Amino acid sequence: MLKMIKVKSVKREELINVTSEIKKYIAKIDLNHGKITLFVPHTTAAVTINENADPDVPHDIIFGLGKIAPNVSAYHHAEGNSDAHIKSTLVGCSQDILVENGQMVLGTWQGIFFCEFDGPRTRKLYIYSSEER
């Protein structure tokens, strides 16, 4: 089963917690045991799993990625968003999450974040679910 959700960013770079939307989708389709795959079809966005208890963590991730791939004019790509392409490559465009007893198998502090590196924009996040038989 495939579902697309829209994610709207308000900043050039931000991590948007989408955990509750994914939980609602799993409940809606009554997925009990299986796996979901999250996929971002954009070259300047990504998806990751990380701590969702402390709001400083998403800030620090963006800060750290900015140190690795700063937004500078030295890149050759004409659109001026090469740093966003690099950050997307580093974080990745997909995540697999196990589902057991209708719940995502995540650690206590883990949440799912859509990573925007070239916003603000409205983006797509695809959710593919497969049930264990």
Protein backbone atom coordinates (compact mmCIF):
# COMPACT_ATOMS: atom_id res chain seq x y z
CA MET A 1 0.00 0.00 0.00
CA LEU A 2 1.35 3.42 -0.96
CA LYS A 3 0.40 6.78 0.51
CA MET A 4 1.73 10.27 -0.11
CA ILE A 5 1.61 13.01 2.49
CA LYS A 6 2.51 16.64 1.96
CA VAL A 7 4.99 18.35 4.26
CA LYS A 8 5.13 22.14 4.35
CA SER A 9 8.27 23.88 5.54
CA VAL A 10 8.52 27.52 6.62
CA LYS A 11 12.32 27.92 6.71
CA ARG A 12 15.15 27.19 4.30
CA GLU A 13 16.43 24.46 6.62
CA GLU A 14 14.38 22.64 9.21
CA LEU A 15 13.62 19.22 10.59
CA ILE A 16 9.88 18.65 10.72
CA ASN A 17 8.63 15.97 13.10
CA VAL A 18 6.23 13.73 11.14
CA THR A 19 6.05 10.89 13.68
CA SER A 20 2.41 11.48 14.63
CA GLU A 21 1.29 11.54 10.99
CA ILE A 22 3.03 8.22 10.35
CA LYS A 23 1.44 6.73 13.50
CA LYS A 24 -2.01 7.85 12.33
CA TYR A 25 -1.45 6.26 8.94
CA ILE A 26 -0.42 2.93 10.50
CA ALA A 27 -3.56 2.96 12.67
CA LYS A 28 -5.77 3.93 9.71
CA ILE A 29 -4.61 1.02 7.56
CA ASP A 30 -4.58 -1.31 10.58
CA LEU A 31 -1.02 -2.47 9.98
CA ASN A 32 -0.27 -4.95 12.75
CA HIS A 33 3.03 -6.65 11.84
CA GLY A 34 5.26 -5.59 8.99
CA LYS A 35 7.30 -2.69 7.76
CA ILE A 36 6.88 0.79 6.40
CA THR A 37 9.29 2.46 4.04
CA LEU A 38 9.47 6.25 3.94
CA PHE A 39 10.75 7.82 0.73
CA VAL A 40 11.45 11.47 -0.17
CA PRO A 41 11.45 12.10 -3.95
CA HIS A 42 13.41 15.35 -3.74
CA THR A 43 17.12 16.02 -4.21
CA THR A 44 17.31 18.73 -1.55
CA ALA A 45 15.29 17.04 1.20
CA ALA A 46 15.67 13.87 3.26
CA VAL A 47 14.16 11.77 6.04
CA THR A 48 15.81 10.64 9.26
CA ILE A 49 15.13 9.08 12.64
CA ASN A 50 16.59 10.83 15.66
CA GLU A 51 15.79 12.23 19.10
CA ASN A 52 12.43 13.97 19.35
CA ALA A 53 12.44 14.81 23.07
CA ASP A 54 14.82 17.76 23.01
CA PRO A 55 14.08 20.53 20.45
CA ASP A 56 17.76 21.46 20.48
CA VAL A 57 18.70 18.22 18.70
CA PRO A 58 17.10 19.11 15.32
CA HIS A 59 18.71 22.55 15.58
CA ASP A 60 22.09 20.98 16.30
CA ILE A 61 21.74 18.53 13.38
CA ILE A 62 21.11 21.42 10.99
CA PHE A 63 24.02 23.33 12.55
CA GLY A 64 26.36 20.33 12.22
CA LEU A 65 25.35 19.65 8.61
CA GLY A 66 25.98 23.33 7.90
CA LYS A 67 29.55 22.89 9.12
CA ILE A 68 30.03 19.91 6.79
CA ALA A 69 28.28 21.52 3.79
CA PRO A 70 28.06 25.29 4.25
CA ASN A 71 25.87 27.48 2.05
CA VAL A 72 28.67 29.25 0.15
CA SER A 73 29.06 30.62 -3.37
CA ALA A 74 32.08 28.43 -4.25
CA TYR A 75 29.92 25.59 -5.61
CA HIS A 76 29.49 25.28 -9.39
CA HIS A 77 25.76 24.36 -9.42
CA ALA A 78 23.94 27.38 -10.86
CA GLU A 79 20.86 27.20 -8.62
CA GLY A 80 22.83 28.11 -5.50
CA ASN A 81 21.57 25.16 -3.46
CA SER A 82 24.49 22.73 -3.69
CA ASP A 83 24.72 22.63 0.10
CA ALA A 84 21.14 21.31 0.17
CA HIS A 85 22.01 18.56 -2.32
CA ILE A 86 25.00 17.52 -0.20
CA LYS A 87 22.97 17.48 3.03
CA SER A 88 20.25 15.40 1.37
CA THR A 89 22.88 12.92 0.19
CA LEU A 90 24.41 12.68 3.66
CA VAL A 91 21.09 12.13 5.47
CA GLY A 92 19.40 9.96 2.84
CA CYS A 93 16.08 9.81 1.05
CA SER A 94 14.55 6.75 2.73
CA GLN A 95 14.01 4.95 6.02
CA ASP A 96 12.61 1.51 6.84
CA ILE A 97 10.71 1.10 10.10
CA LEU A 98 9.45 -2.16 11.56
CA VAL A 99 5.88 -2.37 12.87
CA GLU A 100 4.99 -4.77 15.68
CA ASN A 101 1.55 -5.00 17.30
CA GLY A 102 0.43 -1.91 15.38
CA GLN A 103 3.29 0.24 16.71
CA MET A 104 6.47 1.45 15.05
CA VAL A 105 9.55 -0.17 16.55
CA LEU A 106 11.37 2.98 17.63
CA GLY A 107 13.50 3.75 20.64
CA THR A 108 12.05 5.72 23.53
CA TRP A 109 13.45 9.03 22.33
CA GLN A 110 13.27 8.43 18.57
CA GLY A 111 11.05 10.33 16.17
CA ILE A 112 10.80 10.64 12.41
CA PHE A 113 11.87 13.90 10.80
CA PHE A 114 11.37 15.25 7.31
CA CYS A 115 14.54 17.21 6.58
CA GLU A 116 14.12 20.36 4.52
CA PHE A 117 17.34 21.83 3.18
CA ASP A 118 16.04 24.17 0.44
CA GLY A 119 12.76 25.64 1.61
CA PRO A 120 10.34 26.93 2.31
CA ARG A 121 8.36 24.55 0.13
CA THR A 122 5.60 22.00 0.11
CA ARG A 123 7.13 18.55 -0.37
CA LYS A 124 6.06 14.95 -0.73
CA LEU A 125 6.79 12.08 1.63
CA TYR A 126 5.76 8.61 0.45
CA ILE A 127 4.86 5.82 2.85
CA TYR A 128 4.90 2.24 1.60
CA SER A 129 3.55 -0.42 3.93
CA SER A 130 3.93 -4.17 3.75
CA GLU A 131 2.17 -6.59 6.08
CA GLU A 132 3.90 -9.70 7.36
CA ARG A 133 1.83 -12.75 6.55
